[in-house]
Amino acid sequence: MVLAVIFDLDGTVLSNEDEYGDAFRKVLTRLGKRVETAYPHVGGIGVKENWPILLSKYKIRTEKTIEELTQETQEAYLADLPKVTLKPGFEVFVRELKEGGVLVALATSNVLWILEEVFETLSLKKFFDVVTTGEEVKFKKPAPDLFLLTAEKLGVNPKECLVIEDSEAGIEAAHKAQMKVFAIARDASHARSLRNADRVVSSFEDISLSTIQNL
């Protein structure tokens, strides 16, 4: 039986894939690398963790530190935060969970100061019983630490938690934590990359309390 649902934030609760993609591309352009792909970064692992990968991938040399590149990316994202919306069906699904006595948590690789901006802009904090950020664990996704800490805060056995994700790293982390995981895909190509999830859906509108309790 599912006693708690743990949500990822970026790309799962929030429709912000384009805004983060734009933020990474803007900083890459400043570094002299124009990138056409919509999402140059790896989803789920965190902004800071992406920069060593991007610098290596695009063979970029810069005197800027990873911390400076991370800050620039987050500032570019925050400039577009007013464009960000909640995923369709999220609020309805959370209300159904709460009415059914299911605990609701947020576990994000992102950092607290960004999360606070998101909470204020989108009035999001009220939905969650527990919140965990990437700063609270030594190892982020695909390690299970973020989800295990969240289950501990909730006082729930990890096997009684369902994770909702949108990234391969998040799916791997959930399974390592011995949790079931549903994935929300933005398109068919994205869905194929999420095939290791226990179920792949296109929207929260495809999930209900009865759906998760029949796992």
N, C-alpha and C. Protein backbone atom coordinates (compact mmCIF):
# COMPACT_ATOMS: atom_id res chain seq x y z
N MET A 1 0.84 -1.20 0.00
CA MET A 1 0.00 0.00 0.00
C MET A 1 0.88 1.25 0.00
N VAL A 2 0.51 2.23 -0.78
CA VAL A 2 1.25 3.48 -0.85
C VAL A 2 0.78 4.42 0.26
N LEU A 3 1.69 4.77 1.15
CA LEU A 3 1.37 5.69 2.25
C LEU A 3 1.85 7.10 1.97
N ALA A 4 2.79 7.24 1.02
CA ALA A 4 3.35 8.57 0.71
C ALA A 4 3.73 8.64 -0.76
N VAL A 5 3.52 9.81 -1.34
CA VAL A 5 3.96 10.08 -2.71
C VAL A 5 5.02 11.17 -2.65
N ILE A 6 6.16 10.90 -3.25
CA ILE A 6 7.29 11.84 -3.27
C ILE A 6 7.45 12.38 -4.69
N PHE A 7 7.31 13.67 -4.84
CA PHE A 7 7.39 14.32 -6.14
C PHE A 7 8.78 14.92 -6.37
N ASP A 8 9.30 14.72 -7.56
CA ASP A 8 10.40 15.54 -8.06
C ASP A 8 9.82 16.91 -8.40
N LEU A 9 10.66 17.91 -8.51
CA LEU A 9 10.17 19.27 -8.80
C LEU A 9 10.28 19.64 -10.27
N ASP A 10 11.52 19.81 -10.74
CA ASP A 10 11.74 20.38 -12.07
C ASP A 10 11.37 19.39 -13.17
N GLY A 11 10.42 19.79 -14.01
CA GLY A 11 9.97 18.93 -15.10
C GLY A 11 8.91 17.94 -14.69
N THR A 12 8.64 17.85 -13.38
CA THR A 12 7.61 16.93 -12.88
C THR A 12 6.43 17.72 -12.32
N VAL A 13 6.65 18.44 -11.24
CA VAL A 13 5.62 19.34 -10.72
C VAL A 13 5.54 20.60 -11.57
N LEU A 14 6.70 21.07 -12.02
CA LEU A 14 6.76 22.31 -12.80
C LEU A 14 6.98 22.05 -14.28
N SER A 15 6.30 22.83 -15.10
CA SER A 15 6.57 22.85 -16.55
C SER A 15 7.68 23.86 -16.78
N ASN A 16 8.91 23.47 -16.49
CA ASN A 16 10.03 24.42 -16.58
C ASN A 16 11.20 23.86 -17.37
N GLU A 17 10.96 22.79 -18.14
CA GLU A 17 12.05 22.20 -18.92
C GLU A 17 12.62 23.21 -19.90
N ASP A 18 11.74 23.97 -20.58
CA ASP A 18 12.20 24.95 -21.57
C ASP A 18 13.00 26.07 -20.91
N GLU A 19 12.54 26.50 -19.74
CA GLU A 19 13.22 27.61 -19.06
C GLU A 19 14.62 27.21 -18.60
N TYR A 20 14.76 26.00 -18.09
CA TYR A 20 16.11 25.55 -17.70
C TYR A 20 16.97 25.29 -18.93
N GLY A 21 16.37 24.76 -19.98
CA GLY A 21 17.12 24.57 -21.22
C GLY A 21 17.64 25.89 -21.76
N ASP A 22 16.78 26.91 -21.73
CA ASP A 22 17.18 28.25 -22.18
C ASP A 22 18.30 28.81 -21.30
N ALA A 23 18.20 28.59 -20.00
CA ALA A 23 19.21 29.11 -19.06
C ALA A 23 20.58 28.51 -19.35
N PHE A 24 20.63 27.19 -19.54
CA PHE A 24 21.91 26.55 -19.87
C PHE A 24 22.44 27.05 -21.21
N ARG A 25 21.57 27.20 -22.20
CA ARG A 25 22.03 27.66 -23.52
C ARG A 25 22.57 29.08 -23.45
N LYS A 26 21.95 29.94 -22.66
CA LYS A 26 22.43 31.32 -22.52
C LYS A 26 23.85 31.36 -21.95
N VAL A 27 24.10 30.55 -20.93
CA VAL A 27 25.43 30.55 -20.33
C VAL A 27 26.44 29.90 -21.27
N LEU A 28 26.03 28.86 -21.97
CA LEU A 28 26.92 28.24 -22.96
C LEU A 28 27.28 29.23 -24.06
N THR A 29 26.31 30.05 -24.47
CA THR A 29 26.57 31.06 -25.50
C THR A 29 27.60 32.07 -25.02
N ARG A 30 27.49 32.48 -23.76
CA ARG A 30 28.47 33.41 -23.19
C ARG A 30 29.87 32.81 -23.17
N LEU A 31 29.93 31.49 -23.12
CA LEU A 31 31.21 30.78 -23.13
C LEU A 31 31.70 30.51 -24.55
N GLY A 32 30.94 31.01 -25.54
CA GLY A 32 31.36 30.86 -26.93
C GLY A 32 30.86 29.61 -27.62
N LYS A 33 29.89 28.93 -27.00
CA LYS A 33 29.37 27.69 -27.58
C LYS A 33 27.87 27.82 -27.80
N ARG A 34 27.48 27.93 -29.08
CA ARG A 34 26.05 27.98 -29.40
C ARG A 34 25.52 26.56 -29.54
N VAL A 35 24.49 26.25 -28.80
CA VAL A 35 23.93 24.90 -28.77
C VAL A 35 22.48 24.97 -29.24
N GLU A 36 22.15 24.14 -30.22
CA GLU A 36 20.81 24.16 -30.79
C GLU A 36 19.82 23.27 -30.03
N THR A 37 20.33 22.21 -29.39
CA THR A 37 19.43 21.28 -28.71
C THR A 37 18.64 21.99 -27.61
N ALA A 38 17.36 21.63 -27.48
CA ALA A 38 16.48 22.31 -26.52
C ALA A 38 16.92 22.08 -25.08
N TYR A 39 17.43 20.88 -24.80
CA TYR A 39 17.81 20.54 -23.43
C TYR A 39 19.24 20.03 -23.41
N PRO A 40 20.21 20.94 -23.33
CA PRO A 40 21.62 20.51 -23.36
C PRO A 40 22.08 19.81 -22.09
N HIS A 41 21.31 19.95 -21.04
CA HIS A 41 21.71 19.42 -19.73
C HIS A 41 21.11 18.04 -19.47
N VAL A 42 21.65 17.39 -18.45
CA VAL A 42 21.14 16.09 -17.99
C VAL A 42 20.09 16.35 -16.92
N GLY A 43 18.89 15.83 -17.12
CA GLY A 43 17.82 16.07 -16.17
C GLY A 43 18.00 15.32 -14.86
N GLY A 44 17.58 15.96 -13.78
CA GLY A 44 17.49 15.28 -12.50
C GLY A 44 18.70 15.35 -11.59
N ILE A 45 19.86 15.72 -12.13
CA ILE A 45 21.09 15.60 -11.32
C ILE A 45 21.50 16.90 -10.64
N GLY A 46 20.90 18.03 -11.04
CA GLY A 46 21.26 19.31 -10.44
C GLY A 46 22.06 20.19 -11.39
N VAL A 47 21.91 21.50 -11.23
CA VAL A 47 22.59 22.46 -12.10
C VAL A 47 24.11 22.38 -11.93
N LYS A 48 24.56 22.42 -10.70
CA LYS A 48 26.01 22.38 -10.43
C LYS A 48 26.65 21.13 -11.00
N GLU A 49 25.96 20.00 -10.86
CA GLU A 49 26.50 18.72 -11.33
C GLU A 49 26.55 18.65 -12.85
N ASN A 50 25.77 19.46 -13.52
CA ASN A 50 25.76 19.46 -14.99
C ASN A 50 26.98 20.14 -15.59
N TRP A 51 27.53 21.13 -14.89
CA TRP A 51 28.56 21.94 -15.54
C TRP A 51 29.86 21.21 -15.86
N PRO A 52 30.38 20.35 -15.01
CA PRO A 52 31.56 19.58 -15.42
C PRO A 52 31.29 18.73 -16.66
N ILE A 53 30.07 18.19 -16.75
CA ILE A 53 29.68 17.38 -17.91
C ILE A 53 29.66 18.23 -19.17
N LEU A 54 29.05 19.42 -19.07
CA LEU A 54 28.93 20.30 -20.25
C LEU A 54 30.28 20.83 -20.70
N LEU A 55 31.12 21.22 -19.76
CA LEU A 55 32.45 21.73 -20.12
C LEU A 55 33.26 20.66 -20.85
N SER A 56 33.13 19.43 -20.40
CA SER A 56 33.84 18.32 -21.05
C SER A 56 33.23 17.99 -22.40
N LYS A 57 31.91 17.91 -22.44
CA LYS A 57 31.20 17.54 -23.68
C LYS A 57 31.51 18.51 -24.82
N TYR A 58 31.49 19.81 -24.51
CA TYR A 58 31.68 20.82 -25.55
C TYR A 58 33.11 21.35 -25.61
N LYS A 59 34.00 20.70 -24.84
CA LYS A 59 35.43 21.06 -24.86
C LYS A 59 35.64 22.56 -24.63
N ILE A 60 34.99 23.06 -23.59
CA ILE A 60 35.05 24.49 -23.26
C ILE A 60 36.13 24.75 -22.21
N ARG A 61 36.94 25.75 -22.48
CA ARG A 61 37.92 26.20 -21.49
C ARG A 61 37.48 27.56 -20.97
N THR A 62 37.46 27.70 -19.67
CA THR A 62 37.02 28.96 -19.07
C THR A 62 37.69 29.14 -17.71
N GLU A 63 37.87 30.41 -17.34
CA GLU A 63 38.42 30.71 -16.02
C GLU A 63 37.31 30.76 -14.96
N LYS A 64 36.07 30.70 -15.41
CA LYS A 64 34.96 30.72 -14.46
C LYS A 64 34.90 29.40 -13.69
N THR A 65 34.55 29.50 -12.43
CA THR A 65 34.42 28.30 -11.61
C THR A 65 33.06 27.64 -11.85
N ILE A 66 32.95 26.39 -11.43
CA ILE A 66 31.67 25.68 -11.52
C ILE A 66 30.60 26.44 -10.74
N GLU A 67 30.99 26.98 -9.61
CA GLU A 67 30.05 27.74 -8.77
C GLU A 67 29.54 28.98 -9.50
N GLU A 68 30.43 29.66 -10.22
CA GLU A 68 30.03 30.86 -10.97
C GLU A 68 29.10 30.50 -12.11
N LEU A 69 29.39 29.42 -12.81
CA LEU A 69 28.54 28.97 -13.92
C LEU A 69 27.17 28.54 -13.40
N THR A 70 27.18 27.89 -12.25
CA THR A 70 25.92 27.47 -11.63
C THR A 70 25.08 28.68 -11.26
N GLN A 71 25.70 29.68 -10.65
CA GLN A 71 24.99 30.90 -10.26
C GLN A 71 24.41 31.60 -11.49
N GLU A 72 25.19 31.72 -12.55
CA GLU A 72 24.71 32.36 -13.78
C GLU A 72 23.50 31.62 -14.35
N THR A 73 23.56 30.30 -14.32
CA THR A 73 22.46 29.49 -14.85
C THR A 73 21.20 29.68 -14.02
N GLN A 74 21.34 29.64 -12.72
CA GLN A 74 20.18 29.81 -11.85
C GLN A 74 19.58 31.21 -11.99
N GLU A 75 20.43 32.22 -12.14
CA GLU A 75 19.92 33.59 -12.31
C GLU A 75 19.18 33.73 -13.64
N ALA A 76 19.70 33.08 -14.69
CA ALA A 76 19.01 33.10 -15.98
C ALA A 76 17.66 32.40 -15.88
N TYR A 77 17.62 31.31 -15.12
CA TYR A 77 16.36 30.60 -14.91
C TYR A 77 15.36 31.46 -14.14
N LEU A 78 15.82 32.09 -13.07
CA LEU A 78 14.91 32.91 -12.26
C LEU A 78 14.33 34.07 -13.05
N ALA A 79 15.08 34.58 -14.02
CA ALA A 79 14.57 35.67 -14.86
C ALA A 79 13.34 35.22 -15.65
N ASP A 80 13.26 33.92 -15.93
CA ASP A 80 12.13 33.37 -16.68
C ASP A 80 11.10 32.68 -15.78
N LEU A 81 11.31 32.73 -14.47
CA LEU A 81 10.40 32.03 -13.56
C LEU A 81 8.94 32.45 -13.71
N PRO A 82 8.64 33.73 -14.03
CA PRO A 82 7.23 34.09 -14.22
C PRO A 82 6.54 33.31 -15.35
N LYS A 83 7.31 32.71 -16.25
CA LYS A 83 6.72 31.92 -17.34
C LYS A 83 6.37 30.49 -16.90
N VAL A 84 6.92 30.07 -15.77
CA VAL A 84 6.78 28.68 -15.33
C VAL A 84 5.40 28.44 -14.72
N THR A 85 4.81 27.29 -15.06
CA THR A 85 3.51 26.91 -14.53
C THR A 85 3.57 25.51 -13.91
N LEU A 86 2.54 25.16 -13.17
CA LEU A 86 2.41 23.80 -12.65
C LEU A 86 1.97 22.88 -13.77
N LYS A 87 2.38 21.63 -13.70
CA LYS A 87 1.95 20.64 -14.68
C LYS A 87 0.43 20.44 -14.57
N PRO A 88 -0.25 20.27 -15.70
CA PRO A 88 -1.70 20.06 -15.67
C PRO A 88 -2.08 18.86 -14.79
N GLY A 89 -3.08 19.07 -13.96
CA GLY A 89 -3.59 17.99 -13.12
C GLY A 89 -2.89 17.82 -11.79
N PHE A 90 -1.80 18.54 -11.57
CA PHE A 90 -1.04 18.35 -10.33
C PHE A 90 -1.88 18.69 -9.10
N GLU A 91 -2.49 19.86 -9.09
CA GLU A 91 -3.25 20.29 -7.91
C GLU A 91 -4.39 19.34 -7.60
N VAL A 92 -5.10 18.90 -8.62
CA VAL A 92 -6.23 17.98 -8.43
C VAL A 92 -5.74 16.66 -7.85
N PHE A 93 -4.63 16.14 -8.38
CA PHE A 93 -4.08 14.88 -7.91
C PHE A 93 -3.63 14.98 -6.45
N VAL A 94 -2.97 16.08 -6.09
CA VAL A 94 -2.51 16.25 -4.71
C VAL A 94 -3.69 16.35 -3.75
N ARG A 95 -4.72 17.06 -4.14
CA ARG A 95 -5.91 17.15 -3.29
C ARG A 95 -6.51 15.77 -3.05
N GLU A 96 -6.55 14.95 -4.11
CA GLU A 96 -7.08 13.59 -3.98
C GLU A 96 -6.22 12.76 -3.03
N LEU A 97 -4.91 12.91 -3.14
CA LEU A 97 -4.01 12.19 -2.24
C LEU A 97 -4.26 12.57 -0.79
N LYS A 98 -4.34 13.87 -0.53
CA LYS A 98 -4.52 14.35 0.84
C LYS A 98 -5.87 13.91 1.40
N GLU A 99 -6.90 13.96 0.58
CA GLU A 99 -8.22 13.51 1.02
C GLU A 99 -8.22 12.01 1.33
N GLY A 100 -7.32 11.28 0.65
CA GLY A 100 -7.21 9.84 0.87
C GLY A 100 -6.24 9.48 1.98
N GLY A 101 -5.69 10.48 2.66
CA GLY A 101 -4.80 10.23 3.78
C GLY A 101 -3.37 9.89 3.39
N VAL A 102 -3.01 10.15 2.14
CA VAL A 102 -1.65 9.87 1.66
C VAL A 102 -0.76 11.09 1.91
N LEU A 103 0.41 10.87 2.47
CA LEU A 103 1.37 11.95 2.69
C LEU A 103 1.98 12.40 1.37
N VAL A 104 2.31 13.68 1.29
CA VAL A 104 2.84 14.27 0.06
C VAL A 104 4.16 14.97 0.36
N ALA A 105 5.21 14.62 -0.40
CA ALA A 105 6.53 15.20 -0.16
C ALA A 105 7.16 15.67 -1.46
N LEU A 106 8.14 16.54 -1.33
CA LEU A 106 8.92 17.03 -2.46
C LEU A 106 10.38 16.69 -2.22
N ALA A 107 11.03 16.10 -3.22
CA ALA A 107 12.46 15.77 -3.13
C ALA A 107 13.13 16.26 -4.41
N THR A 108 13.91 17.30 -4.30
CA THR A 108 14.51 17.92 -5.47
C THR A 108 16.03 18.03 -5.36
N SER A 109 16.71 17.82 -6.48
CA SER A 109 18.16 18.01 -6.52
C SER A 109 18.52 19.49 -6.49
N ASN A 110 17.53 20.34 -6.69
CA ASN A 110 17.78 21.78 -6.70
C ASN A 110 18.11 22.29 -5.30
N VAL A 111 18.46 23.57 -5.22
CA VAL A 111 18.93 24.16 -3.96
C VAL A 111 17.82 24.97 -3.29
N LEU A 112 17.98 25.18 -2.00
CA LEU A 112 16.92 25.79 -1.20
C LEU A 112 16.57 27.20 -1.65
N TRP A 113 17.56 28.02 -1.99
CA TRP A 113 17.24 29.41 -2.33
C TRP A 113 16.43 29.50 -3.62
N ILE A 114 16.66 28.59 -4.54
CA ILE A 114 15.83 28.53 -5.75
C ILE A 114 14.44 28.04 -5.39
N LEU A 115 14.38 27.01 -4.55
CA LEU A 115 13.09 26.45 -4.15
C LEU A 115 12.23 27.50 -3.46
N GLU A 116 12.84 28.33 -2.63
CA GLU A 116 12.08 29.38 -1.94
C GLU A 116 11.49 30.38 -2.93
N GLU A 117 12.24 30.71 -3.97
CA GLU A 117 11.73 31.59 -5.02
C GLU A 117 10.54 30.95 -5.73
N VAL A 118 10.65 29.66 -6.01
CA VAL A 118 9.57 28.91 -6.67
C VAL A 118 8.34 28.87 -5.77
N PHE A 119 8.54 28.56 -4.49
CA PHE A 119 7.43 28.50 -3.55
C PHE A 119 6.68 29.83 -3.49
N GLU A 120 7.44 30.92 -3.44
CA GLU A 120 6.82 32.24 -3.34
C GLU A 120 6.07 32.61 -4.62
N THR A 121 6.68 32.32 -5.76
CA THR A 121 6.08 32.71 -7.04
C THR A 121 4.84 31.89 -7.36
N LEU A 122 4.87 30.60 -7.05
CA LEU A 122 3.80 29.70 -7.46
C LEU A 122 2.93 29.21 -6.30
N SER A 123 3.15 29.75 -5.10
CA SER A 123 2.38 29.35 -3.91
C SER A 123 2.33 27.83 -3.78
N LEU A 124 3.49 27.22 -3.79
CA LEU A 124 3.61 25.76 -3.91
C LEU A 124 3.81 25.05 -2.57
N LYS A 125 4.34 25.75 -1.59
CA LYS A 125 4.75 25.10 -0.34
C LYS A 125 3.59 24.40 0.37
N LYS A 126 2.40 24.95 0.23
CA LYS A 126 1.23 24.43 0.95
C LYS A 126 0.89 22.99 0.58
N PHE A 127 1.38 22.52 -0.56
CA PHE A 127 1.02 21.18 -1.01
C PHE A 127 1.80 20.07 -0.30
N PHE A 128 2.93 20.39 0.33
CA PHE A 128 3.84 19.34 0.77
C PHE A 128 3.95 19.23 2.30
N ASP A 129 3.91 17.99 2.77
CA ASP A 129 4.11 17.72 4.19
C ASP A 129 5.59 17.78 4.56
N VAL A 130 6.44 17.41 3.61
CA VAL A 130 7.89 17.37 3.83
C VAL A 130 8.59 17.83 2.56
N VAL A 131 9.69 18.55 2.72
CA VAL A 131 10.50 19.00 1.57
C VAL A 131 11.96 18.64 1.83
N THR A 132 12.62 18.08 0.81
CA THR A 132 14.05 17.76 0.90
C THR A 132 14.75 18.32 -0.33
N THR A 133 15.89 18.99 -0.12
CA THR A 133 16.66 19.53 -1.24
C THR A 133 17.99 18.79 -1.37
N GLY A 134 18.63 18.99 -2.51
CA GLY A 134 19.90 18.32 -2.78
C GLY A 134 21.02 18.68 -1.82
N GLU A 135 20.89 19.83 -1.16
CA GLU A 135 21.91 20.26 -0.21
C GLU A 135 21.92 19.41 1.07
N GLU A 136 20.87 18.66 1.28
CA GLU A 136 20.74 17.89 2.52
C GLU A 136 21.38 16.50 2.45
N VAL A 137 21.84 16.12 1.27
CA VAL A 137 22.42 14.78 1.12
C VAL A 137 23.82 14.87 0.52
N LYS A 138 24.62 13.86 0.78
CA LYS A 138 25.98 13.84 0.24
C LYS A 138 25.97 13.50 -1.24
N PHE A 139 25.08 12.57 -1.62
CA PHE A 139 25.02 12.12 -3.01
C PHE A 139 23.63 12.36 -3.57
N LYS A 140 23.57 13.07 -4.69
CA LYS A 140 22.30 13.35 -5.36
C LYS A 140 21.93 12.19 -6.29
N LYS A 141 20.80 12.33 -6.97
CA LYS A 141 20.38 11.32 -7.94
C LYS A 141 21.48 11.13 -8.99
N PRO A 142 21.74 9.91 -9.41
CA PRO A 142 20.94 8.68 -9.27
C PRO A 142 21.15 7.90 -7.98
N ALA A 143 21.88 8.44 -7.01
CA ALA A 143 21.95 7.80 -5.69
C ALA A 143 20.58 7.90 -5.02
N PRO A 144 20.24 6.98 -4.12
CA PRO A 144 18.92 6.98 -3.50
C PRO A 144 18.76 7.91 -2.30
N ASP A 145 19.85 8.58 -1.91
CA ASP A 145 19.89 9.32 -0.64
C ASP A 145 18.74 10.32 -0.47
N LEU A 146 18.43 11.06 -1.52
CA LEU A 146 17.40 12.10 -1.45
C LEU A 146 16.04 11.49 -1.10
N PHE A 147 15.71 10.38 -1.72
CA PHE A 147 14.42 9.74 -1.46
C PHE A 147 14.40 9.02 -0.11
N LEU A 148 15.51 8.42 0.26
CA LEU A 148 15.57 7.74 1.56
C LEU A 148 15.44 8.73 2.71
N LEU A 149 16.09 9.88 2.59
CA LEU A 149 15.98 10.91 3.62
C LEU A 149 14.54 11.43 3.71
N THR A 150 13.91 11.58 2.57
CA THR A 150 12.52 12.06 2.55
C THR A 150 11.59 11.06 3.23
N ALA A 151 11.77 9.77 2.95
CA ALA A 151 10.97 8.73 3.60
C ALA A 151 11.19 8.75 5.12
N GLU A 152 12.44 8.97 5.52
CA GLU A 152 12.76 9.04 6.95
C GLU A 152 12.05 10.22 7.61
N LYS A 153 12.05 11.37 6.94
CA LYS A 153 11.35 12.55 7.46
C LYS A 153 9.85 12.28 7.61
N LEU A 154 9.30 11.54 6.65
CA LEU A 154 7.87 11.23 6.65
C LEU A 154 7.52 10.16 7.68
N GLY A 155 8.52 9.39 8.10
CA GLY A 155 8.27 8.28 9.00
C GLY A 155 7.60 7.11 8.31
N VAL A 156 7.94 6.93 7.03
CA VAL A 156 7.31 5.89 6.21
C VAL A 156 8.38 4.94 5.67
N ASN A 157 8.07 3.66 5.63
CA ASN A 157 8.97 2.68 5.02
C ASN A 157 9.16 3.01 3.54
N PRO A 158 10.39 3.01 3.02
CA PRO A 158 10.61 3.32 1.61
C PRO A 158 9.75 2.48 0.66
N LYS A 159 9.49 1.23 1.02
CA LYS A 159 8.68 0.36 0.16
C LYS A 159 7.22 0.79 0.10
N GLU A 160 6.83 1.69 1.00
CA GLU A 160 5.45 2.20 1.00
C GLU A 160 5.37 3.59 0.38
N CYS A 161 6.44 3.99 -0.33
CA CYS A 161 6.48 5.28 -1.02
C CYS A 161 6.41 5.09 -2.53
N LEU A 162 5.73 6.00 -3.19
CA LEU A 162 5.74 6.08 -4.65
C LEU A 162 6.41 7.39 -5.04
N VAL A 163 7.36 7.31 -5.95
CA VAL A 163 8.04 8.49 -6.47
C VAL A 163 7.45 8.86 -7.82
N ILE A 164 7.30 10.15 -8.07
CA ILE A 164 6.89 10.62 -9.40
C ILE A 164 8.01 11.48 -9.94
N GLU A 165 8.52 11.10 -11.11
CA GLU A 165 9.75 11.65 -11.67
C GLU A 165 9.59 11.98 -13.15
N ASP A 166 10.65 12.58 -13.71
CA ASP A 166 10.68 12.82 -15.16
C ASP A 166 12.07 12.58 -15.74
N SER A 167 12.96 11.96 -14.96
CA SER A 167 14.33 11.78 -15.44
C SER A 167 14.82 10.36 -15.20
N GLU A 168 15.76 9.94 -16.03
CA GLU A 168 16.38 8.62 -15.86
C GLU A 168 17.09 8.53 -14.52
N ALA A 169 17.78 9.60 -14.14
CA ALA A 169 18.49 9.60 -12.86
C ALA A 169 17.53 9.44 -11.69
N GLY A 170 16.38 10.08 -11.79
CA GLY A 170 15.38 9.99 -10.73
C GLY A 170 14.77 8.61 -10.63
N ILE A 171 14.52 7.98 -11.77
CA ILE A 171 13.98 6.62 -11.79
C ILE A 171 14.97 5.66 -11.15
N GLU A 172 16.23 5.78 -11.52
CA GLU A 172 17.27 4.92 -10.96
C GLU A 172 17.37 5.12 -9.44
N ALA A 173 17.32 6.37 -9.01
CA ALA A 173 17.41 6.67 -7.57
C ALA A 173 16.24 6.06 -6.81
N ALA A 174 15.04 6.17 -7.37
CA ALA A 174 13.85 5.62 -6.71
C ALA A 174 13.95 4.11 -6.56
N HIS A 175 14.36 3.44 -7.63
CA HIS A 175 14.48 1.99 -7.56
C HIS A 175 15.58 1.55 -6.58
N LYS A 176 16.67 2.30 -6.53
CA LYS A 176 17.72 1.99 -5.55
C LYS A 176 17.21 2.16 -4.12
N ALA A 177 16.24 3.05 -3.95
CA ALA A 177 15.63 3.26 -2.63
C ALA A 177 14.52 2.25 -2.35
N GLN A 178 14.31 1.33 -3.29
CA GLN A 178 13.26 0.29 -3.20
C GLN A 178 11.87 0.89 -3.22
N MET A 179 11.72 1.97 -3.98
CA MET A 179 10.43 2.62 -4.15
C MET A 179 9.91 2.39 -5.57
N LYS A 180 8.60 2.31 -5.71
CA LYS A 180 7.98 2.30 -7.03
C LYS A 180 8.08 3.71 -7.60
N VAL A 181 8.07 3.79 -8.93
CA VAL A 181 8.20 5.12 -9.55
C VAL A 181 7.35 5.22 -10.81
N PHE A 182 6.57 6.28 -10.88
CA PHE A 182 5.85 6.66 -12.09
C PHE A 182 6.64 7.78 -12.74
N ALA A 183 6.65 7.82 -14.06
CA ALA A 183 7.36 8.87 -14.79
C ALA A 183 6.39 9.64 -15.66
N ILE A 184 6.57 10.95 -15.71
CA ILE A 184 5.75 11.80 -16.57
C ILE A 184 6.60 12.23 -17.77
N ALA A 185 6.13 11.86 -18.96
CA ALA A 185 6.88 12.12 -20.19
C ALA A 185 6.27 13.28 -20.96
N ARG A 186 7.13 14.13 -21.51
CA ARG A 186 6.64 15.29 -22.26
C ARG A 186 6.32 14.94 -23.71
N ASP A 187 6.93 13.85 -24.23
CA ASP A 187 6.66 13.41 -25.61
C ASP A 187 7.10 11.96 -25.75
N ALA A 188 6.92 11.40 -26.95
CA ALA A 188 7.21 9.97 -27.18
C ALA A 188 8.69 9.65 -26.99
N SER A 189 9.56 10.53 -27.46
CA SER A 189 10.99 10.31 -27.32
C SER A 189 11.40 10.30 -25.85
N HIS A 190 10.86 11.24 -25.10
CA HIS A 190 11.13 11.30 -23.67
C HIS A 190 10.60 10.05 -22.97
N ALA A 191 9.42 9.60 -23.38
CA ALA A 191 8.82 8.40 -22.78
C ALA A 191 9.72 7.19 -22.95
N ARG A 192 10.35 7.07 -24.10
CA ARG A 192 11.24 5.92 -24.34
C ARG A 192 12.43 5.94 -23.38
N SER A 193 12.91 7.13 -23.07
CA SER A 193 14.06 7.23 -22.15
C SER A 193 13.67 6.92 -20.71
N LEU A 194 12.36 6.91 -20.44
CA LEU A 194 11.86 6.68 -19.08
C LEU A 194 11.29 5.27 -18.90
N ARG A 195 11.61 4.39 -19.84
CA ARG A 195 10.98 3.06 -19.88
C ARG A 195 11.26 2.20 -18.65
N ASN A 196 12.26 2.54 -17.86
CA ASN A 196 12.56 1.75 -16.67
C ASN A 196 11.65 2.08 -15.49
N ALA A 197 10.79 3.07 -15.65
CA ALA A 197 9.82 3.39 -14.60
C ALA A 197 8.79 2.27 -14.52
N ASP A 198 8.11 2.17 -13.38
CA ASP A 198 7.06 1.17 -13.23
C ASP A 198 5.85 1.50 -14.10
N ARG A 199 5.69 2.78 -14.37
CA ARG A 199 4.63 3.22 -15.29
C ARG A 199 5.02 4.58 -15.85
N VAL A 200 4.75 4.77 -17.13
CA VAL A 200 5.01 6.06 -17.79
C VAL A 200 3.68 6.65 -18.23
N VAL A 201 3.44 7.89 -17.87
CA VAL A 201 2.21 8.59 -18.24
C VAL A 201 2.57 9.92 -18.88
N SER A 202 1.59 10.55 -19.49
CA SER A 202 1.85 11.83 -20.14
C SER A 202 1.41 13.01 -19.28
N SER A 203 0.68 12.73 -18.20
CA SER A 203 0.14 13.82 -17.39
C SER A 203 -0.33 13.30 -16.04
N PHE A 204 -0.41 14.19 -15.07
CA PHE A 204 -1.03 13.83 -13.79
C PHE A 204 -2.49 13.45 -13.97
N GLU A 205 -3.09 13.90 -15.06
CA GLU A 205 -4.48 13.57 -15.34
C GLU A 205 -4.66 12.08 -15.64
N ASP A 206 -3.54 11.38 -15.87
CA ASP A 206 -3.58 9.94 -16.12
C ASP A 206 -3.39 9.12 -14.84
N ILE A 207 -3.27 9.80 -13.70
CA ILE A 207 -3.02 9.12 -12.43
C ILE A 207 -4.12 9.49 -11.43
N SER A 208 -4.51 8.52 -10.61
CA SER A 208 -5.48 8.78 -9.55
C SER A 208 -5.06 8.01 -8.30
N LEU A 209 -5.76 8.25 -7.20
CA LEU A 209 -5.48 7.53 -5.97
C LEU A 209 -5.66 6.03 -6.16
N SER A 210 -6.70 5.64 -6.87
CA SER A 210 -6.93 4.21 -7.11
C SER A 210 -5.82 3.62 -7.97
N THR A 211 -5.30 4.40 -8.91
CA THR A 211 -4.21 3.93 -9.77
C THR A 211 -3.00 3.54 -8.94
N ILE A 212 -2.61 4.39 -8.02
CA ILE A 212 -1.39 4.13 -7.26
C ILE A 212 -1.60 3.04 -6.21
N GLN A 213 -2.82 2.91 -5.70
CA GLN A 213 -3.06 1.89 -4.68
C GLN A 213 -3.21 0.50 -5.29
N ASN A 214 -3.31 0.44 -6.61
CA ASN A 214 -3.41 -0.85 -7.30
C ASN A 214 -2.07 -1.32 -7.84
N LEU A 215 -0.98 -0.71 -7.37
CA LEU A 215 0.36 -1.12 -7.81
C LEU A 215 0.65 -2.55 -7.38
